Amino acid sequence: MGMYSVDISPLAHEVFERYMELCLKDSGDECALRLLESFDEKVGILEDQPLIGCARLRYIPDKYRMINFWPHLWLVFQIYEKDKSVKLEYIIDDRQDYGRFIK
């Protein structure tokens, strides 16, 4: 267990599930398992080192940090130092028009 708790929003969870289903349908069990492992690995990193996420993407407000976990897929989150928590709010695909979804 890391120093920070990671809270995954319902929206982020729903988007992740959609990508898991697509991966499974298009590329099979192995691909879906790799996607899940990559996601879990990045969540584990956020539990210990949330400041590692820093890459900037267009249209993302400065209050968010991001970390890439799969080709074109990014975890978008905020760090709450007072609570020692990370709120994973969005998962975005950098090939899509994601700016309208991020507030």
C-alpha atoms as a PDB file:
ATOM      1  CA  MET A   1       0.000   0.000   0.000  1.00  0.00           C
ATOM      2  CA  GLY A   2       1.370   3.379  -1.018  1.00  0.00           C
ATOM      3  CA  MET A   3       1.467   6.681   0.775  1.00  0.00           C
ATOM      4  CA  TYR A   4      -1.510   8.023  -1.231  1.00  0.00           C
ATOM      5  CA  SER A   5      -4.926   6.537  -1.832  1.00  0.00           C
ATOM      6  CA  VAL A   6      -6.138   6.541  -5.428  1.00  0.00           C
ATOM      7  CA  ASP A   7      -9.827   7.173  -6.010  1.00  0.00           C
ATOM      8  CA  ILE A   8     -11.082   6.304  -9.499  1.00  0.00           C
ATOM      9  CA  SER A   9     -14.121   8.300 -10.611  1.00  0.00           C
ATOM     10  CA  PRO A  10     -17.143   6.464 -12.043  1.00  0.00           C
ATOM     11  CA  LEU A  11     -16.528   8.185 -15.388  1.00  0.00           C
ATOM     12  CA  ALA A  12     -12.884   7.026 -15.540  1.00  0.00           C
ATOM     13  CA  HIS A  13     -13.954   3.512 -14.543  1.00  0.00           C
ATOM     14  CA  GLU A  14     -16.595   3.456 -17.280  1.00  0.00           C
ATOM     15  CA  VAL A  15     -14.125   4.625 -19.950  1.00  0.00           C
ATOM     16  CA  PHE A  16     -11.561   2.028 -18.830  1.00  0.00           C
ATOM     17  CA  GLU A  17     -14.184  -0.729 -19.035  1.00  0.00           C
ATOM     18  CA  ARG A  18     -15.038   0.380 -22.584  1.00  0.00           C
ATOM     19  CA  TYR A  19     -11.389   0.148 -23.651  1.00  0.00           C
ATOM     20  CA  MET A  20     -11.071  -3.257 -21.976  1.00  0.00           C
ATOM     21  CA  GLU A  21     -14.073  -4.523 -23.954  1.00  0.00           C
ATOM     22  CA  LEU A  22     -12.661  -3.124 -27.216  1.00  0.00           C
ATOM     23  CA  CYS A  23      -9.255  -4.628 -26.536  1.00  0.00           C
ATOM     24  CA  LEU A  24     -10.781  -8.009 -25.728  1.00  0.00           C
ATOM     25  CA  LYS A  25     -13.017  -7.964 -28.814  1.00  0.00           C
ATOM     26  CA  ASP A  26     -10.365  -6.690 -31.240  1.00  0.00           C
ATOM     27  CA  SER A  27      -7.195  -8.349 -29.940  1.00  0.00           C
ATOM     28  CA  GLY A  28      -8.161 -11.052 -27.463  1.00  0.00           C
ATOM     29  CA  ASP A  29      -7.485 -12.012 -23.863  1.00  0.00           C
ATOM     30  CA  GLU A  30      -3.753 -11.316 -23.919  1.00  0.00           C
ATOM     31  CA  CYS A  31      -4.201  -7.711 -25.013  1.00  0.00           C
ATOM     32  CA  ALA A  32      -6.907  -7.069 -22.424  1.00  0.00           C
ATOM     33  CA  LEU A  33      -4.703  -8.563 -19.715  1.00  0.00           C
ATOM     34  CA  ARG A  34      -1.762  -6.342 -20.745  1.00  0.00           C
ATOM     35  CA  LEU A  35      -4.046  -3.291 -20.684  1.00  0.00           C
ATOM     36  CA  LEU A  36      -5.249  -4.191 -17.184  1.00  0.00           C
ATOM     37  CA  GLU A  37      -1.680  -4.786 -15.969  1.00  0.00           C
ATOM     38  CA  SER A  38      -0.528  -1.456 -17.407  1.00  0.00           C
ATOM     39  CA  PHE A  39      -3.423   0.364 -15.733  1.00  0.00           C
ATOM     40  CA  ASP A  40      -2.755  -1.343 -12.388  1.00  0.00           C
ATOM     41  CA  GLU A  41       0.966  -0.548 -12.648  1.00  0.00           C
ATOM     42  CA  LYS A  42       0.317   3.178 -13.187  1.00  0.00           C
ATOM     43  CA  VAL A  43      -2.228   3.300 -10.349  1.00  0.00           C
ATOM     44  CA  GLY A  44       0.442   1.693  -8.129  1.00  0.00           C
ATOM     45  CA  ILE A  45       2.934   4.363  -9.170  1.00  0.00           C
ATOM     46  CA  LEU A  46       0.394   7.074  -8.306  1.00  0.00           C
ATOM     47  CA  GLU A  47       0.022   5.568  -4.818  1.00  0.00           C
ATOM     48  CA  ASP A  48       3.739   6.116  -4.204  1.00  0.00           C
ATOM     49  CA  GLN A  49       4.803   8.946  -6.522  1.00  0.00           C
ATOM     50  CA  PRO A  50       1.844  10.997  -7.793  1.00  0.00           C
ATOM     51  CA  LEU A  51       4.103  13.860  -8.848  1.00  0.00           C
ATOM     52  CA  ILE A  52       5.587  11.615 -11.540  1.00  0.00           C
ATOM     53  CA  GLY A  53       2.628  12.430 -13.751  1.00  0.00           C
ATOM     54  CA  CYS A  54       3.332  15.709 -15.431  1.00  0.00           C
ATOM     55  CA  ALA A  55       3.044  15.545 -19.210  1.00  0.00           C
ATOM     56  CA  ARG A  56       0.964  18.339 -20.663  1.00  0.00           C
ATOM     57  CA  LEU A  57      -1.687  17.781 -23.253  1.00  0.00           C
ATOM     58  CA  ARG A  58      -3.569  20.457 -25.109  1.00  0.00           C
ATOM     59  CA  TYR A  59      -6.900  21.526 -23.600  1.00  0.00           C
ATOM     60  CA  ILE A  60      -6.172  20.076 -20.165  1.00  0.00           C
ATOM     61  CA  PRO A  61      -6.470  22.649 -17.345  1.00  0.00           C
ATOM     62  CA  ASP A  62      -3.358  23.195 -15.225  1.00  0.00           C
ATOM     63  CA  LYS A  63      -5.032  21.774 -12.114  1.00  0.00           C
ATOM     64  CA  TYR A  64      -4.631  18.279 -13.597  1.00  0.00           C
ATOM     65  CA  ARG A  65      -1.633  16.050 -14.025  1.00  0.00           C
ATOM     66  CA  MET A  66      -1.443  13.195 -16.494  1.00  0.00           C
ATOM     67  CA  ILE A  67       0.370   9.951 -16.954  1.00  0.00           C
ATOM     68  CA  ASN A  68       0.346   7.773 -20.054  1.00  0.00           C
ATOM     69  CA  PHE A  69      -0.559   4.130 -19.411  1.00  0.00           C
ATOM     70  CA  TRP A  70      -1.238   2.701 -22.883  1.00  0.00           C
ATOM     71  CA  PRO A  71      -0.576   3.988 -26.400  1.00  0.00           C
ATOM     72  CA  HIS A  72      -2.716   7.137 -26.714  1.00  0.00           C
ATOM     73  CA  LEU A  73      -4.452   6.575 -23.337  1.00  0.00           C
ATOM     74  CA  TRP A  74      -3.817   8.916 -20.405  1.00  0.00           C
ATOM     75  CA  LEU A  75      -4.889   8.977 -16.783  1.00  0.00           C
ATOM     76  CA  VAL A  76      -5.930  12.521 -15.833  1.00  0.00           C
ATOM     77  CA  PHE A  77      -5.851  13.213 -12.100  1.00  0.00           C
ATOM     78  CA  GLN A  78      -5.539  15.721  -9.294  1.00  0.00           C
ATOM     79  CA  ILE A  79      -3.420  15.365  -6.174  1.00  0.00           C
ATOM     80  CA  TYR A  80      -4.855  16.340  -2.791  1.00  0.00           C
ATOM     81  CA  GLU A  81      -1.845  16.626  -0.490  1.00  0.00           C
ATOM     82  CA  LYS A  82      -3.925  17.397   2.603  1.00  0.00           C
ATOM     83  CA  ASP A  83      -5.766  14.088   2.263  1.00  0.00           C
ATOM     84  CA  LYS A  84      -2.815  12.175   0.776  1.00  0.00           C
ATOM     85  CA  SER A  85      -5.094  11.176  -2.074  1.00  0.00           C
ATOM     86  CA  VAL A  86      -5.127  11.118  -5.849  1.00  0.00           C
ATOM     87  CA  LYS A  87      -8.434  11.537  -7.665  1.00  0.00           C
ATOM     88  CA  LEU A  88      -8.254   9.850 -11.060  1.00  0.00           C
ATOM     89  CA  GLU A  89     -10.985  11.799 -12.824  1.00  0.00           C
ATOM     90  CA  TYR A  90     -10.658  10.998 -16.521  1.00  0.00           C
ATOM     91  CA  ILE A  91      -9.139   8.587 -18.987  1.00  0.00           C
ATOM     92  CA  ILE A  92      -8.602  10.217 -22.351  1.00  0.00           C
ATOM     93  CA  ASP A  93      -7.492   9.104 -25.785  1.00  0.00           C
ATOM     94  CA  ASP A  94      -5.153  11.730 -27.249  1.00  0.00           C
ATOM     95  CA  ARG A  95      -6.428  10.928 -30.759  1.00  0.00           C
ATOM     96  CA  GLN A  96      -9.919  12.154 -29.898  1.00  0.00           C
ATOM     97  CA  ASP A  97     -11.455  15.559 -29.182  1.00  0.00           C
ATOM     98  CA  TYR A  98     -11.163  15.170 -25.406  1.00  0.00           C
ATOM     99  CA  GLY A  99     -11.046  18.881 -24.517  1.00  0.00           C
ATOM    100  CA  ARG A 100     -14.792  19.279 -24.316  1.00  0.00           C
ATOM    101  CA  PHE A 101     -15.016  16.616 -21.597  1.00  0.00           C
ATOM    102  CA  ILE A 102     -12.409  18.012 -19.242  1.00  0.00           C
ATOM    103  CA  LYS A 103     -13.605  20.719 -16.852  1.00  0.00           C
END
